[in-house]
Amino acid sequence: MNKNILTAFSVISLLIYSNAFTQENPSAKSSGFYFDVQNPESVSELDLSSKDIYMLPQEIFEMKNIECLDLSNNNLSELPDEIMQLQNLKILKLNGNKIYWMPDAISRLKFLKEIYLDYFIWGYRLAELKSLTNAKIILTD
């Protein structure tokens, strides 16, 4: 396995404890997620799919060289402004969430090539998504 690929159960130690990102405690800070990564900038892929996440851990935004971020099948309702810090992002998987808000500045992700969304988001977020001129928008049911 490529050492630059970070998955939830292989290259890193990922600990989820005390329901820090679940509905029981939606205001929890990123202390509920622990990434044991010596060099966060070496991470190129991060798979956090199907982890029952309600908010993104701040440690993700230290991983400046992420090219593929899989957040599919969680409980996210918004994409935070900090997503713009991931300037090398090429693939963003958000399908299977309840996203009703995206930052207008999503268009600043100039290397974004693919974004996966649920079909119903297309109507809600049309203005923000139209600005993604270089990205292929892949809609799922």
C-alpha atoms as a PDB file:
ATOM      1  CA  MET A   1       0.000   0.000   0.000  1.00  0.00           C
ATOM      2  CA  ASN A   2       1.288   3.432  -0.898  1.00  0.00           C
ATOM      3  CA  LYS A   3       2.504   5.222   2.245  1.00  0.00           C
ATOM      4  CA  ASN A   4       0.927   8.464   1.012  1.00  0.00           C
ATOM      5  CA  ILE A   5      -2.535   6.953   1.091  1.00  0.00           C
ATOM      6  CA  LEU A   6      -4.364   7.425   4.342  1.00  0.00           C
ATOM      7  CA  THR A   7      -7.306   5.191   5.084  1.00  0.00           C
ATOM      8  CA  ALA A   8      -9.309   4.982   8.241  1.00  0.00           C
ATOM      9  CA  PHE A   9      -7.902   1.650   9.395  1.00  0.00           C
ATOM     10  CA  SER A  10      -4.533   1.110   7.725  1.00  0.00           C
ATOM     11  CA  VAL A  11      -1.825   3.770   7.537  1.00  0.00           C
ATOM     12  CA  ILE A  12      -3.069   5.862  10.465  1.00  0.00           C
ATOM     13  CA  SER A  13      -4.350   5.165  13.903  1.00  0.00           C
ATOM     14  CA  LEU A  14      -7.888   6.418  13.867  1.00  0.00           C
ATOM     15  CA  LEU A  15      -9.701   6.436  17.173  1.00  0.00           C
ATOM     16  CA  ILE A  16     -13.306   7.409  17.513  1.00  0.00           C
ATOM     17  CA  TYR A  17     -14.346   7.604  21.121  1.00  0.00           C
ATOM     18  CA  SER A  18     -17.202   8.905  23.255  1.00  0.00           C
ATOM     19  CA  ASN A  19     -19.377   9.493  20.180  1.00  0.00           C
ATOM     20  CA  ALA A  20     -17.546  12.761  19.542  1.00  0.00           C
ATOM     21  CA  PHE A  21     -18.940  13.204  16.047  1.00  0.00           C
ATOM     22  CA  THR A  22     -22.315  11.608  16.464  1.00  0.00           C
ATOM     23  CA  GLN A  23     -25.676  13.145  17.077  1.00  0.00           C
ATOM     24  CA  GLU A  24     -25.313  12.644  20.844  1.00  0.00           C
ATOM     25  CA  ASN A  25     -22.608  15.317  20.847  1.00  0.00           C
ATOM     26  CA  PRO A  26     -22.772  17.315  17.591  1.00  0.00           C
ATOM     27  CA  SER A  27     -20.818  20.251  19.023  1.00  0.00           C
ATOM     28  CA  ALA A  28     -17.747  18.173  19.857  1.00  0.00           C
ATOM     29  CA  LYS A  29     -14.421  19.481  18.712  1.00  0.00           C
ATOM     30  CA  SER A  30     -11.911  17.451  16.748  1.00  0.00           C
ATOM     31  CA  SER A  31     -10.562  15.876  19.922  1.00  0.00           C
ATOM     32  CA  GLY A  32     -12.893  12.958  19.234  1.00  0.00           C
ATOM     33  CA  PHE A  33     -10.875  12.045  16.161  1.00  0.00           C
ATOM     34  CA  TYR A  34      -7.223  11.313  16.542  1.00  0.00           C
ATOM     35  CA  PHE A  35      -4.936  11.099  13.536  1.00  0.00           C
ATOM     36  CA  ASP A  36      -1.517   9.682  14.321  1.00  0.00           C
ATOM     37  CA  VAL A  37       0.285  11.152  11.356  1.00  0.00           C
ATOM     38  CA  GLN A  38       3.884  12.290  11.623  1.00  0.00           C
ATOM     39  CA  ASN A  39       3.646  14.455   8.531  1.00  0.00           C
ATOM     40  CA  PRO A  40       0.066  15.510   7.694  1.00  0.00           C
ATOM     41  CA  GLU A  41       1.248  17.123   4.466  1.00  0.00           C
ATOM     42  CA  SER A  42       2.325  13.702   3.149  1.00  0.00           C
ATOM     43  CA  VAL A  43      -1.289  12.467   3.057  1.00  0.00           C
ATOM     44  CA  SER A  44      -2.752  12.322  -0.447  1.00  0.00           C
ATOM     45  CA  GLU A  45      -5.926  10.280   0.154  1.00  0.00           C
ATOM     46  CA  LEU A  46      -8.270  10.157   3.120  1.00  0.00           C
ATOM     47  CA  ASP A  47     -11.215   7.774   3.392  1.00  0.00           C
ATOM     48  CA  LEU A  48     -13.677   8.722   6.129  1.00  0.00           C
ATOM     49  CA  SER A  49     -16.695   7.162   4.463  1.00  0.00           C
ATOM     50  CA  SER A  50     -19.417   5.602   6.623  1.00  0.00           C
ATOM     51  CA  LYS A  51     -18.056   6.849   9.974  1.00  0.00           C
ATOM     52  CA  ASP A  52     -21.237   8.559  11.254  1.00  0.00           C
ATOM     53  CA  ILE A  53     -19.494  11.953  11.151  1.00  0.00           C
ATOM     54  CA  TYR A  54     -21.559  15.096  11.789  1.00  0.00           C
ATOM     55  CA  MET A  55     -18.684  17.575  11.490  1.00  0.00           C
ATOM     56  CA  LEU A  56     -15.206  17.460  10.009  1.00  0.00           C
ATOM     57  CA  PRO A  57     -12.209  17.153  12.316  1.00  0.00           C
ATOM     58  CA  GLN A  58      -9.913  20.186  12.063  1.00  0.00           C
ATOM     59  CA  GLU A  59      -6.883  17.907  11.537  1.00  0.00           C
ATOM     60  CA  ILE A  60      -8.076  17.275   7.999  1.00  0.00           C
ATOM     61  CA  PHE A  61      -7.282  20.856   7.055  1.00  0.00           C
ATOM     62  CA  GLU A  62      -3.632  20.368   8.053  1.00  0.00           C
ATOM     63  CA  MET A  63      -3.360  17.717   5.328  1.00  0.00           C
ATOM     64  CA  LYS A  64      -2.639  20.262   2.611  1.00  0.00           C
ATOM     65  CA  ASN A  65      -1.806  17.743  -0.109  1.00  0.00           C
ATOM     66  CA  ILE A  66      -4.956  15.640  -0.011  1.00  0.00           C
ATOM     67  CA  GLU A  67      -6.034  14.877  -3.557  1.00  0.00           C
ATOM     68  CA  CYS A  68      -8.918  12.514  -2.763  1.00  0.00           C
ATOM     69  CA  LEU A  69     -11.237  13.039   0.209  1.00  0.00           C
ATOM     70  CA  ASP A  70     -14.035  10.516   0.689  1.00  0.00           C
ATOM     71  CA  LEU A  71     -16.672  11.745   3.130  1.00  0.00           C
ATOM     72  CA  SER A  72     -19.504   9.717   1.636  1.00  0.00           C
ATOM     73  CA  ASN A  73     -22.260   8.106   3.685  1.00  0.00           C
ATOM     74  CA  ASN A  74     -21.955  10.186   6.826  1.00  0.00           C
ATOM     75  CA  ASN A  75     -24.255  12.710   8.491  1.00  0.00           C
ATOM     76  CA  LEU A  76     -22.723  15.958   7.278  1.00  0.00           C
ATOM     77  CA  SER A  77     -25.182  18.809   6.762  1.00  0.00           C
ATOM     78  CA  GLU A  78     -22.688  21.391   5.553  1.00  0.00           C
ATOM     79  CA  LEU A  79     -19.284  21.730   4.019  1.00  0.00           C
ATOM     80  CA  PRO A  80     -17.174  24.124   6.117  1.00  0.00           C
ATOM     81  CA  ASP A  81     -15.326  27.115   4.680  1.00  0.00           C
ATOM     82  CA  GLU A  82     -12.046  25.462   5.685  1.00  0.00           C
ATOM     83  CA  ILE A  83     -12.425  23.043   2.776  1.00  0.00           C
ATOM     84  CA  MET A  84     -10.806  25.804   0.708  1.00  0.00           C
ATOM     85  CA  GLN A  85      -7.513  25.088   2.502  1.00  0.00           C
ATOM     86  CA  LEU A  86      -7.290  21.803   0.585  1.00  0.00           C
ATOM     87  CA  GLN A  87      -6.091  23.440  -2.613  1.00  0.00           C
ATOM     88  CA  ASN A  88      -4.768  20.182  -4.136  1.00  0.00           C
ATOM     89  CA  LEU A  89      -8.112  18.405  -3.858  1.00  0.00           C
ATOM     90  CA  LYS A  90      -9.011  16.587  -7.080  1.00  0.00           C
ATOM     91  CA  ILE A  91     -11.789  14.235  -5.920  1.00  0.00           C
ATOM     92  CA  LEU A  92     -14.375  15.065  -3.266  1.00  0.00           C
ATOM     93  CA  LYS A  93     -17.015  12.483  -2.365  1.00  0.00           C
ATOM     94  CA  LEU A  94     -19.956  13.948  -0.466  1.00  0.00           C
ATOM     95  CA  ASN A  95     -22.747  11.602  -1.575  1.00  0.00           C
ATOM     96  CA  GLY A  96     -24.797   9.930   1.124  1.00  0.00           C
ATOM     97  CA  ASN A  97     -24.851  12.997   3.391  1.00  0.00           C
ATOM     98  CA  LYS A  98     -27.500  15.603   4.180  1.00  0.00           C
ATOM     99  CA  ILE A  99     -25.592  18.601   2.865  1.00  0.00           C
ATOM    100  CA  TYR A 100     -27.732  21.712   2.632  1.00  0.00           C
ATOM    101  CA  TRP A 101     -24.944  24.284   2.683  1.00  0.00           C
ATOM    102  CA  MET A 102     -21.744  24.695   0.707  1.00  0.00           C
ATOM    103  CA  PRO A 103     -19.416  27.665   0.838  1.00  0.00           C
ATOM    104  CA  ASP A 104     -19.571  29.947  -2.193  1.00  0.00           C
ATOM    105  CA  ALA A 105     -15.800  29.791  -2.339  1.00  0.00           C
ATOM    106  CA  ILE A 106     -15.880  26.129  -3.379  1.00  0.00           C
ATOM    107  CA  SER A 107     -14.996  27.419  -6.836  1.00  0.00           C
ATOM    108  CA  ARG A 108     -11.505  28.216  -5.479  1.00  0.00           C
ATOM    109  CA  LEU A 109     -10.666  24.508  -5.532  1.00  0.00           C
ATOM    110  CA  LYS A 110      -9.004  24.941  -8.909  1.00  0.00           C
ATOM    111  CA  PHE A 111      -7.729  21.355  -9.201  1.00  0.00           C
ATOM    112  CA  LEU A 112     -11.075  19.728  -8.340  1.00  0.00           C
ATOM    113  CA  LYS A 113     -11.905  17.280 -11.138  1.00  0.00           C
ATOM    114  CA  GLU A 114     -14.733  15.208  -9.619  1.00  0.00           C
ATOM    115  CA  ILE A 115     -17.324  15.932  -6.952  1.00  0.00           C
ATOM    116  CA  TYR A 116     -19.822  13.256  -5.942  1.00  0.00           C
ATOM    117  CA  LEU A 117     -23.168  14.523  -4.653  1.00  0.00           C
ATOM    118  CA  ASP A 118     -26.655  13.247  -4.064  1.00  0.00           C
ATOM    119  CA  TYR A 119     -29.045  14.181  -6.833  1.00  0.00           C
ATOM    120  CA  PHE A 120     -31.277  16.338  -4.609  1.00  0.00           C
ATOM    121  CA  ILE A 121     -28.350  18.632  -3.705  1.00  0.00           C
ATOM    122  CA  TRP A 122     -28.076  19.693  -7.334  1.00  0.00           C
ATOM    123  CA  GLY A 123     -31.225  21.800  -7.040  1.00  0.00           C
ATOM    124  CA  TYR A 124     -30.371  23.306  -3.667  1.00  0.00           C
ATOM    125  CA  ARG A 125     -26.780  24.193  -4.439  1.00  0.00           C
ATOM    126  CA  LEU A 126     -26.996  25.032  -8.125  1.00  0.00           C
ATOM    127  CA  ALA A 127     -25.408  28.497  -7.782  1.00  0.00           C
ATOM    128  CA  GLU A 128     -22.337  27.184  -5.970  1.00  0.00           C
ATOM    129  CA  LEU A 129     -21.988  24.158  -8.216  1.00  0.00           C
ATOM    130  CA  LYS A 130     -22.218  26.118 -11.461  1.00  0.00           C
ATOM    131  CA  SER A 131     -18.955  27.822 -10.508  1.00  0.00           C
ATOM    132  CA  LEU A 132     -17.111  24.473 -10.663  1.00  0.00           C
ATOM    133  CA  THR A 133     -16.301  24.799 -14.341  1.00  0.00           C
ATOM    134  CA  ASN A 134     -13.383  22.313 -14.313  1.00  0.00           C
ATOM    135  CA  ALA A 135     -15.047  19.668 -12.166  1.00  0.00           C
ATOM    136  CA  LYS A 136     -17.240  16.830 -13.282  1.00  0.00           C
ATOM    137  CA  ILE A 137     -20.293  16.703 -11.010  1.00  0.00           C
ATOM    138  CA  ILE A 138     -21.330  13.107 -10.460  1.00  0.00           C
ATOM    139  CA  LEU A 139     -24.863  12.784  -9.108  1.00  0.00           C
ATOM    140  CA  THR A 140     -26.027   9.718  -7.205  1.00  0.00           C
ATOM    141  CA  ASP A 141     -29.468   8.716  -5.982  1.00  0.00           C
END
